[in-house]
Amino acid sequence: MAKRADDIILRDRLQFTLSGTGDLPVVYGRLDLSDYVSVVQEQGLNVKEITYQLRKVGTGNTSVFDPVLGSAATSFASLQVFATTTAYENANDVGIGSPNVLNNYTMTTTREGDPATGSFIWENQERFRGVYDLHPDGYTLVTDLLIGVASENCTKYIN
């Protein structure tokens, strides 16, 4: 939400397809900030807030993302979304303490129970690491912002 008269709101959409096993090696969407930043002129863009909305497009009336990431045969599934200015080759290297990572959003599903009887206990966890409000004046970016996504065993979303 814009807080001051000179604030701007940038929105973008990243669409991705999982493999047949629900895996996705890290992929990136890039927010082109070249209209707002210049390394030569030492001009940056102050980013104040980054939020994520995961959706399953084309399902029902709402496209709400089901937090149960795995099917009944999957014991653990995870999804990671993060904002960074550095393209990491592997999402295993990304944490909130990693260089140039602004935030890290993770979802996990753990299934315990007996597949033979169909009796399961599901546990979903959702964690946002980092701060929603990056400072009253923002976090200064002088490069493009990358949004990374990676998943493992998200069998619920296999196409």
C-alpha atoms as a PDB file:
ATOM      1  CA  MET A   1       0.000   0.000   0.000  1.00  0.00           C
ATOM      2  CA  ALA A   2       1.333   3.406  -0.927  1.00  0.00           C
ATOM      3  CA  LYS A   3       2.179   5.347   2.219  1.00  0.00           C
ATOM      4  CA  ARG A   4       3.373   8.643   0.768  1.00  0.00           C
ATOM      5  CA  ALA A   5       2.432  10.678  -2.286  1.00  0.00           C
ATOM      6  CA  ASP A   6       5.652   9.784  -4.141  1.00  0.00           C
ATOM      7  CA  ASP A   7       5.375   6.017  -3.476  1.00  0.00           C
ATOM      8  CA  ILE A   8       4.728   3.657  -6.373  1.00  0.00           C
ATOM      9  CA  ILE A   9       3.355   0.124  -6.350  1.00  0.00           C
ATOM     10  CA  LEU A  10       4.943  -2.460  -8.639  1.00  0.00           C
ATOM     11  CA  ARG A  11       3.127  -5.715  -9.374  1.00  0.00           C
ATOM     12  CA  ASP A  12       4.250  -8.691 -11.362  1.00  0.00           C
ATOM     13  CA  ARG A  13       3.187 -12.253 -12.021  1.00  0.00           C
ATOM     14  CA  LEU A  14       5.381 -15.349 -12.211  1.00  0.00           C
ATOM     15  CA  GLN A  15       3.877 -18.518 -13.617  1.00  0.00           C
ATOM     16  CA  PHE A  16       5.695 -21.843 -13.365  1.00  0.00           C
ATOM     17  CA  THR A  17       5.072 -25.534 -14.031  1.00  0.00           C
ATOM     18  CA  LEU A  18       6.268 -28.344 -11.785  1.00  0.00           C
ATOM     19  CA  SER A  19       7.926 -31.531 -12.989  1.00  0.00           C
ATOM     20  CA  GLY A  20       6.119 -34.881 -12.912  1.00  0.00           C
ATOM     21  CA  THR A  21       7.374 -35.427  -9.356  1.00  0.00           C
ATOM     22  CA  GLY A  22       6.329 -32.003  -8.054  1.00  0.00           C
ATOM     23  CA  ASP A  23       9.865 -30.631  -8.145  1.00  0.00           C
ATOM     24  CA  LEU A  24      11.001 -27.302  -9.507  1.00  0.00           C
ATOM     25  CA  PRO A  25      14.668 -26.323  -9.526  1.00  0.00           C
ATOM     26  CA  VAL A  26      14.989 -22.651  -8.723  1.00  0.00           C
ATOM     27  CA  VAL A  27      13.514 -20.330 -11.366  1.00  0.00           C
ATOM     28  CA  TYR A  28      13.373 -16.554 -11.295  1.00  0.00           C
ATOM     29  CA  GLY A  29      11.034 -13.797 -12.263  1.00  0.00           C
ATOM     30  CA  ARG A  30      12.711 -10.425 -12.744  1.00  0.00           C
ATOM     31  CA  LEU A  31      11.238  -7.058 -11.908  1.00  0.00           C
ATOM     32  CA  ASP A  32      12.888  -4.669 -14.338  1.00  0.00           C
ATOM     33  CA  LEU A  33      13.688  -1.569 -12.319  1.00  0.00           C
ATOM     34  CA  SER A  34      15.752   0.179 -15.008  1.00  0.00           C
ATOM     35  CA  ASP A  35      13.247   3.059 -15.113  1.00  0.00           C
ATOM     36  CA  TYR A  36      13.925   3.745 -11.435  1.00  0.00           C
ATOM     37  CA  VAL A  37      17.600   2.885 -10.817  1.00  0.00           C
ATOM     38  CA  SER A  38      20.946   3.926 -12.269  1.00  0.00           C
ATOM     39  CA  VAL A  39      24.299   2.645 -11.064  1.00  0.00           C
ATOM     40  CA  VAL A  40      26.105   5.387 -13.009  1.00  0.00           C
ATOM     41  CA  GLN A  41      24.045   8.165 -11.406  1.00  0.00           C
ATOM     42  CA  GLU A  42      24.047   6.369  -8.027  1.00  0.00           C
ATOM     43  CA  GLN A  43      20.259   6.453  -8.063  1.00  0.00           C
ATOM     44  CA  GLY A  44      18.339   3.663  -6.372  1.00  0.00           C
ATOM     45  CA  LEU A  45      14.775   2.655  -5.640  1.00  0.00           C
ATOM     46  CA  ASN A  46      13.736   2.339  -2.016  1.00  0.00           C
ATOM     47  CA  VAL A  47      11.706  -0.847  -1.631  1.00  0.00           C
ATOM     48  CA  LYS A  48       9.452  -0.645   1.399  1.00  0.00           C
ATOM     49  CA  GLU A  49       7.440  -3.847   1.247  1.00  0.00           C
ATOM     50  CA  ILE A  50       7.353  -7.166  -0.626  1.00  0.00           C
ATOM     51  CA  THR A  51       4.367  -9.506  -0.413  1.00  0.00           C
ATOM     52  CA  TYR A  52       3.446 -12.746  -2.167  1.00  0.00           C
ATOM     53  CA  GLN A  53       0.131 -14.223  -3.224  1.00  0.00           C
ATOM     54  CA  LEU A  54       0.253 -17.818  -4.428  1.00  0.00           C
ATOM     55  CA  ARG A  55      -2.662 -18.869  -6.624  1.00  0.00           C
ATOM     56  CA  LYS A  56      -3.777 -21.940  -8.542  1.00  0.00           C
ATOM     57  CA  VAL A  57      -5.152 -20.314 -11.668  1.00  0.00           C
ATOM     58  CA  GLY A  58      -8.208 -21.806 -13.316  1.00  0.00           C
ATOM     59  CA  THR A  59      -9.620 -23.649 -10.314  1.00  0.00           C
ATOM     60  CA  GLY A  60     -13.052 -22.827  -8.977  1.00  0.00           C
ATOM     61  CA  ASN A  61     -14.256 -19.324  -8.356  1.00  0.00           C
ATOM     62  CA  THR A  62     -11.381 -18.084  -6.225  1.00  0.00           C
ATOM     63  CA  SER A  63      -8.062 -19.619  -7.424  1.00  0.00           C
ATOM     64  CA  VAL A  64      -7.092 -20.041  -3.766  1.00  0.00           C
ATOM     65  CA  PHE A  65      -3.840 -21.959  -3.319  1.00  0.00           C
ATOM     66  CA  ASP A  66      -4.353 -25.196  -1.365  1.00  0.00           C
ATOM     67  CA  PRO A  67      -1.757 -25.259   1.440  1.00  0.00           C
ATOM     68  CA  VAL A  68      -1.590 -29.084   1.369  1.00  0.00           C
ATOM     69  CA  LEU A  69       1.302 -29.400  -1.077  1.00  0.00           C
ATOM     70  CA  GLY A  70       1.567 -33.178  -1.328  1.00  0.00           C
ATOM     71  CA  SER A  71      -0.722 -36.037  -2.218  1.00  0.00           C
ATOM     72  CA  ALA A  72      -1.526 -38.889   0.171  1.00  0.00           C
ATOM     73  CA  ALA A  73       1.593 -40.744  -1.009  1.00  0.00           C
ATOM     74  CA  THR A  74       3.927 -37.826  -0.211  1.00  0.00           C
ATOM     75  CA  SER A  75       5.324 -37.597   3.323  1.00  0.00           C
ATOM     76  CA  PHE A  76       7.014 -34.177   2.980  1.00  0.00           C
ATOM     77  CA  ALA A  77       6.649 -31.382   0.443  1.00  0.00           C
ATOM     78  CA  SER A  78       8.060 -27.870   0.395  1.00  0.00           C
ATOM     79  CA  LEU A  79       7.838 -24.650  -1.572  1.00  0.00           C
ATOM     80  CA  GLN A  80      10.171 -21.676  -1.227  1.00  0.00           C
ATOM     81  CA  VAL A  81       9.726 -18.144  -2.591  1.00  0.00           C
ATOM     82  CA  PHE A  82      12.305 -15.433  -1.994  1.00  0.00           C
ATOM     83  CA  ALA A  83      13.318 -11.935  -3.067  1.00  0.00           C
ATOM     84  CA  THR A  84      16.950 -11.286  -3.917  1.00  0.00           C
ATOM     85  CA  THR A  85      19.253  -9.247  -6.101  1.00  0.00           C
ATOM     86  CA  THR A  86      21.568 -12.234  -6.698  1.00  0.00           C
ATOM     87  CA  ALA A  87      20.600 -15.234  -8.837  1.00  0.00           C
ATOM     88  CA  TYR A  88      21.468 -18.282  -6.763  1.00  0.00           C
ATOM     89  CA  GLU A  89      22.045 -21.496  -8.735  1.00  0.00           C
ATOM     90  CA  ASN A  90      20.344 -23.607  -6.089  1.00  0.00           C
ATOM     91  CA  ALA A  91      17.607 -22.705  -3.601  1.00  0.00           C
ATOM     92  CA  ASN A  92      19.464 -24.769  -0.970  1.00  0.00           C
ATOM     93  CA  ASP A  93      21.895 -21.839  -0.747  1.00  0.00           C
ATOM     94  CA  VAL A  94      19.154 -19.320   0.051  1.00  0.00           C
ATOM     95  CA  GLY A  95      18.304 -18.298   3.585  1.00  0.00           C
ATOM     96  CA  ILE A  96      17.449 -15.054   5.295  1.00  0.00           C
ATOM     97  CA  GLY A  97      21.133 -14.640   6.186  1.00  0.00           C
ATOM     98  CA  SER A  98      22.308 -15.139   2.593  1.00  0.00           C
ATOM     99  CA  PRO A  99      23.843 -12.121   0.857  1.00  0.00           C
ATOM    100  CA  ASN A 100      21.360  -9.919  -1.008  1.00  0.00           C
ATOM    101  CA  VAL A 101      18.269 -11.875   0.130  1.00  0.00           C
ATOM    102  CA  LEU A 102      15.514  -9.525   1.278  1.00  0.00           C
ATOM    103  CA  ASN A 103      13.043 -12.150   2.471  1.00  0.00           C
ATOM    104  CA  ASN A 104      12.254 -15.855   2.322  1.00  0.00           C
ATOM    105  CA  TYR A 105       8.763 -17.390   2.321  1.00  0.00           C
ATOM    106  CA  THR A 106       8.428 -21.146   2.842  1.00  0.00           C
ATOM    107  CA  MET A 107       5.495 -23.542   2.908  1.00  0.00           C
ATOM    108  CA  THR A 108       5.808 -27.160   4.038  1.00  0.00           C
ATOM    109  CA  THR A 109       3.416 -30.085   4.306  1.00  0.00           C
ATOM    110  CA  THR A 110       4.204 -33.104   6.454  1.00  0.00           C
ATOM    111  CA  ARG A 111       2.032 -36.220   6.332  1.00  0.00           C
ATOM    112  CA  GLU A 112       2.039 -38.865   9.026  1.00  0.00           C
ATOM    113  CA  GLY A 113      -0.158 -41.913   9.114  1.00  0.00           C
ATOM    114  CA  ASP A 114      -0.891 -45.174   7.379  1.00  0.00           C
ATOM    115  CA  PRO A 115      -1.396 -45.079   3.592  1.00  0.00           C
ATOM    116  CA  ALA A 116      -2.940 -48.571   3.736  1.00  0.00           C
ATOM    117  CA  THR A 117      -5.831 -47.409   5.932  1.00  0.00           C
ATOM    118  CA  GLY A 118      -5.971 -43.866   4.567  1.00  0.00           C
ATOM    119  CA  SER A 119      -5.703 -42.435   8.074  1.00  0.00           C
ATOM    120  CA  PHE A 120      -3.465 -39.372   7.948  1.00  0.00           C
ATOM    121  CA  ILE A 121      -2.465 -36.397  10.025  1.00  0.00           C
ATOM    122  CA  TRP A 122      -1.409 -33.402   7.941  1.00  0.00           C
ATOM    123  CA  GLU A 123       0.698 -30.554   9.240  1.00  0.00           C
ATOM    124  CA  ASN A 124       1.119 -27.417   7.153  1.00  0.00           C
ATOM    125  CA  GLN A 125       3.593 -24.722   8.090  1.00  0.00           C
ATOM    126  CA  GLU A 126       3.956 -21.330   6.513  1.00  0.00           C
ATOM    127  CA  ARG A 127       6.866 -19.075   7.431  1.00  0.00           C
ATOM    128  CA  PHE A 128       7.849 -15.624   6.263  1.00  0.00           C
ATOM    129  CA  ARG A 129      11.389 -14.689   7.214  1.00  0.00           C
ATOM    130  CA  GLY A 130      12.468 -11.135   6.858  1.00  0.00           C
ATOM    131  CA  VAL A 131      10.503  -8.027   7.606  1.00  0.00           C
ATOM    132  CA  TYR A 132       7.341  -6.866   5.908  1.00  0.00           C
ATOM    133  CA  ASP A 133       8.237  -3.224   6.350  1.00  0.00           C
ATOM    134  CA  LEU A 134      11.842  -2.789   5.184  1.00  0.00           C
ATOM    135  CA  HIS A 135      12.459   0.542   6.958  1.00  0.00           C
ATOM    136  CA  PRO A 136      10.579   3.808   6.987  1.00  0.00           C
ATOM    137  CA  ASP A 137      12.613   4.913   3.959  1.00  0.00           C
ATOM    138  CA  GLY A 138      12.938   1.455   2.382  1.00  0.00           C
ATOM    139  CA  TYR A 139      15.766  -0.849   1.321  1.00  0.00           C
ATOM    140  CA  THR A 140      17.694   0.803  -1.498  1.00  0.00           C
ATOM    141  CA  LEU A 141      18.019  -1.277  -4.665  1.00  0.00           C
ATOM    142  CA  VAL A 142      20.334  -0.294  -7.501  1.00  0.00           C
ATOM    143  CA  THR A 143      19.695  -3.430  -9.587  1.00  0.00           C
ATOM    144  CA  ASP A 144      16.706  -5.454 -10.718  1.00  0.00           C
ATOM    145  CA  LEU A 145      14.797  -7.453  -8.127  1.00  0.00           C
ATOM    146  CA  LEU A 146      14.585 -11.216  -8.609  1.00  0.00           C
ATOM    147  CA  ILE A 147      11.823 -13.392  -7.190  1.00  0.00           C
ATOM    148  CA  GLY A 148      12.972 -16.997  -6.901  1.00  0.00           C
ATOM    149  CA  VAL A 149      10.737 -20.067  -6.624  1.00  0.00           C
ATOM    150  CA  ALA A 150      11.691 -23.679  -5.939  1.00  0.00           C
ATOM    151  CA  SER A 151       9.726 -26.744  -4.845  1.00  0.00           C
ATOM    152  CA  GLU A 152      10.203 -30.324  -3.802  1.00  0.00           C
ATOM    153  CA  ASN A 153       7.572 -33.095  -3.852  1.00  0.00           C
ATOM    154  CA  CYS A 154       4.628 -30.727  -4.410  1.00  0.00           C
ATOM    155  CA  THR A 155       2.678 -33.594  -5.949  1.00  0.00           C
ATOM    156  CA  LYS A 156      -0.682 -31.873  -5.360  1.00  0.00           C
ATOM    157  CA  TYR A 157       0.186 -29.447  -8.157  1.00  0.00           C
ATOM    158  CA  ILE A 158       1.468 -31.795 -10.848  1.00  0.00           C
ATOM    159  CA  ASN A 159      -0.223 -30.899 -14.136  1.00  0.00           C
END
